[in-house]
Amino acid sequence: MRGGALPPALLCAVAGLALAFAPRRAWLPSLLTLTMTAVVLASLPIPREWLEGVFLGCWVSVAATAVTVHLPLRVTASGAVGLSFNAGLWSGAVVALAGSRLDLAKALGCVLSFIPAVFIVDWRASIVVKVVASWFVAVAVLAAALQFLPVTPGYLPDHLD
């Protein structure tokens, strides 16, 4: 859960799920915002001591973005762009600290999860997307909680690695 590709990929995937509930006119600006923000942040020098905070922020953003699909009102166009900016910010920061350009490409490809999600929502089966989003919330909460638990075997490298 600490790799350079997995947290941003999950964040981009859940941003795609949230886009499925946004107006169609918000899709292109949101995708461009997410991509540009992530690329710019991934190329910036971010202090290494921010690593734990950046991972925590990424996991919190995964959970918060996933929760937006459960809102009674659909995501607005400006809300979709805001969610995309947030996803790009944390994705780029994680990749800058713990990943590579290839990890960024993998993560950004996951935002295309909005394509099948749109079809599912249009078929009036949005419960499927909401269940998947709930799974993302659970994974994000567990991954974020691991940072606060004492070191357990297998989570961090030990003296034998």
Protein backbone atom coordinates (compact mmCIF):
# COMPACT_ATOMS: atom_id res chain seq x y z
CA MET A 1 0.00 0.00 0.00
CA ARG A 2 3.06 2.23 0.06
CA GLY A 3 4.07 1.93 -3.58
CA GLY A 4 4.23 4.88 -5.91
CA ALA A 5 1.45 3.66 -8.20
CA LEU A 6 -1.26 2.11 -6.02
CA PRO A 7 -2.48 5.07 -3.90
CA PRO A 8 -2.65 7.49 -6.86
CA ALA A 9 -4.27 4.81 -9.02
CA LEU A 10 -7.01 4.24 -6.45
CA LEU A 11 -7.49 8.00 -6.08
CA CYS A 12 -7.79 8.46 -9.85
CA ALA A 13 -10.18 5.51 -10.12
CA VAL A 14 -12.46 6.90 -7.43
CA ALA A 15 -12.29 10.35 -9.07
CA GLY A 16 -13.54 8.62 -12.22
CA LEU A 17 -16.43 7.10 -10.28
CA ALA A 18 -17.33 10.56 -8.96
CA LEU A 19 -17.21 11.96 -12.51
CA ALA A 20 -19.91 9.48 -13.50
CA PHE A 21 -22.30 11.48 -11.31
CA ALA A 22 -21.19 14.85 -12.75
CA PRO A 23 -22.67 16.66 -15.75
CA ARG A 24 -21.17 15.72 -19.10
CA ARG A 25 -19.86 19.25 -19.64
CA ALA A 26 -17.59 18.77 -16.60
CA TRP A 27 -15.80 15.69 -17.91
CA LEU A 28 -13.20 17.31 -20.17
CA PRO A 29 -12.28 20.17 -17.79
CA SER A 30 -12.08 17.68 -14.93
CA LEU A 31 -9.85 15.25 -16.81
CA LEU A 32 -7.58 18.07 -17.96
CA THR A 33 -7.40 19.50 -14.44
CA LEU A 34 -6.52 16.13 -12.93
CA THR A 35 -3.88 15.38 -15.56
CA MET A 36 -2.20 18.78 -15.53
CA THR A 37 -2.16 19.04 -11.74
CA ALA A 38 -0.69 15.55 -11.34
CA VAL A 39 1.98 16.08 -14.00
CA VAL A 40 3.05 19.44 -12.57
CA LEU A 41 3.18 18.16 -8.98
CA ALA A 42 5.02 15.00 -9.96
CA SER A 43 7.80 17.11 -11.47
CA LEU A 44 8.23 19.39 -8.44
CA PRO A 45 10.83 18.69 -5.76
CA ILE A 46 8.82 17.84 -2.64
CA PRO A 47 10.69 17.53 0.67
CA ARG A 48 11.22 13.89 1.65
CA GLU A 49 10.06 14.52 5.23
CA TRP A 50 6.54 15.15 3.89
CA LEU A 51 6.21 11.51 2.80
CA GLU A 52 3.98 10.29 5.65
CA GLY A 53 1.72 13.34 5.44
CA VAL A 54 1.38 13.03 1.67
CA PHE A 55 0.40 9.36 1.90
CA LEU A 56 -2.11 10.18 4.62
CA GLY A 57 -3.54 13.03 2.55
CA CYS A 58 -3.85 10.73 -0.45
CA TRP A 59 -5.74 8.07 1.52
CA VAL A 60 -8.03 10.66 3.11
CA SER A 61 -8.75 12.04 -0.37
CA VAL A 62 -9.58 8.56 -1.65
CA ALA A 63 -12.16 8.16 1.11
CA ALA A 64 -13.56 11.68 0.78
CA THR A 65 -13.86 11.47 -3.00
CA ALA A 66 -15.52 8.06 -2.79
CA VAL A 67 -18.08 9.38 -0.32
CA THR A 68 -19.25 12.00 -2.85
CA VAL A 69 -21.03 9.33 -4.90
CA HIS A 70 -23.36 8.79 -1.94
CA LEU A 71 -24.50 12.42 -1.79
CA PRO A 72 -28.22 12.88 -2.45
CA LEU A 73 -27.49 15.55 -5.09
CA ARG A 74 -25.29 14.95 -8.11
CA VAL A 75 -21.81 16.42 -8.23
CA THR A 76 -21.85 19.88 -9.87
CA ALA A 77 -19.51 20.85 -12.70
CA SER A 78 -17.39 23.01 -10.40
CA GLY A 79 -17.42 20.28 -7.76
CA ALA A 80 -16.15 17.76 -10.31
CA VAL A 81 -13.29 20.08 -11.27
CA GLY A 82 -12.50 20.59 -7.58
CA LEU A 83 -12.43 16.84 -6.94
CA SER A 84 -10.17 16.40 -9.97
CA PHE A 85 -7.81 19.11 -8.75
CA ASN A 86 -7.62 17.41 -5.36
CA ALA A 87 -6.97 14.02 -6.97
CA GLY A 88 -4.27 15.49 -9.20
CA LEU A 89 -2.65 17.26 -6.26
CA TRP A 90 -2.29 14.18 -4.08
CA SER A 91 -1.52 11.82 -6.97
CA GLY A 92 1.27 14.06 -8.21
CA ALA A 93 2.70 14.49 -4.72
CA VAL A 94 2.77 10.74 -4.05
CA VAL A 95 4.43 10.04 -7.39
CA ALA A 96 6.98 12.82 -6.79
CA LEU A 97 7.97 11.25 -3.47
CA ALA A 98 7.62 7.52 -4.05
CA GLY A 99 7.08 6.79 -7.71
CA SER A 100 8.16 7.23 -11.29
CA ARG A 101 6.72 8.70 -14.48
CA LEU A 102 5.43 5.23 -15.37
CA ASP A 103 3.57 5.10 -12.05
CA LEU A 104 1.93 8.42 -12.92
CA ALA A 105 0.83 7.09 -16.31
CA LYS A 106 -0.63 3.98 -14.66
CA ALA A 107 -2.50 6.09 -12.11
CA LEU A 108 -3.89 8.55 -14.65
CA GLY A 109 -5.17 5.67 -16.77
CA CYS A 110 -7.37 4.58 -13.87
CA VAL A 111 -9.48 7.73 -14.16
CA LEU A 112 -11.04 6.08 -17.20
CA SER A 113 -13.12 4.11 -14.72
CA PHE A 114 -15.69 6.81 -15.33
CA ILE A 115 -16.56 5.31 -18.73
CA PRO A 116 -18.14 2.07 -17.45
CA ALA A 117 -19.45 3.92 -14.40
CA VAL A 118 -21.35 6.34 -16.64
CA PHE A 119 -23.04 3.47 -18.45
CA ILE A 120 -23.97 1.86 -15.15
CA VAL A 121 -25.39 5.13 -13.78
CA ASP A 122 -27.29 5.75 -17.04
CA TRP A 123 -28.82 2.26 -16.75
CA ARG A 124 -30.18 3.38 -13.36
CA ALA A 125 -28.04 0.87 -11.55
CA SER A 126 -25.98 3.42 -9.64
CA ILE A 127 -26.00 1.15 -6.59
CA VAL A 128 -23.23 -0.84 -8.28
CA VAL A 129 -20.99 2.25 -8.47
CA LYS A 130 -21.87 3.15 -4.89
CA VAL A 131 -20.90 -0.31 -3.63
CA VAL A 132 -17.56 -0.08 -5.42
CA ALA A 133 -17.04 3.41 -3.96
CA SER A 134 -17.77 2.03 -0.49
CA TRP A 135 -15.06 -0.57 -1.03
CA PHE A 136 -12.64 2.26 -1.85
CA VAL A 137 -13.59 4.00 1.40
CA ALA A 138 -12.85 0.84 3.38
CA VAL A 139 -9.49 0.31 1.70
CA ALA A 140 -8.50 3.95 2.20
CA VAL A 141 -9.45 3.98 5.87
CA LEU A 142 -7.51 0.77 6.51
CA ALA A 143 -4.45 2.01 4.62
CA ALA A 144 -4.51 5.34 6.45
CA ALA A 145 -4.91 3.60 9.81
CA LEU A 146 -1.82 1.46 9.18
CA GLN A 147 0.32 4.59 9.48
CA PHE A 148 -0.75 5.00 13.09
CA LEU A 149 -0.44 1.38 14.20
CA PRO A 150 2.76 -0.04 15.61
CA VAL A 151 5.01 -1.74 13.10
CA THR A 152 3.85 -5.24 12.31
CA PRO A 153 5.80 -7.93 10.49
CA GLY A 154 5.44 -7.60 6.75
CA TYR A 155 4.36 -3.96 6.67
CA LEU A 156 7.76 -2.28 6.89
CA PRO A 157 11.16 -3.68 5.94
CA ASP A 158 13.00 -5.16 8.89
CA HIS A 159 16.68 -5.74 9.54
CA LEU A 160 16.68 -8.91 7.35
CA ASP A 161 15.65 -7.11 4.16
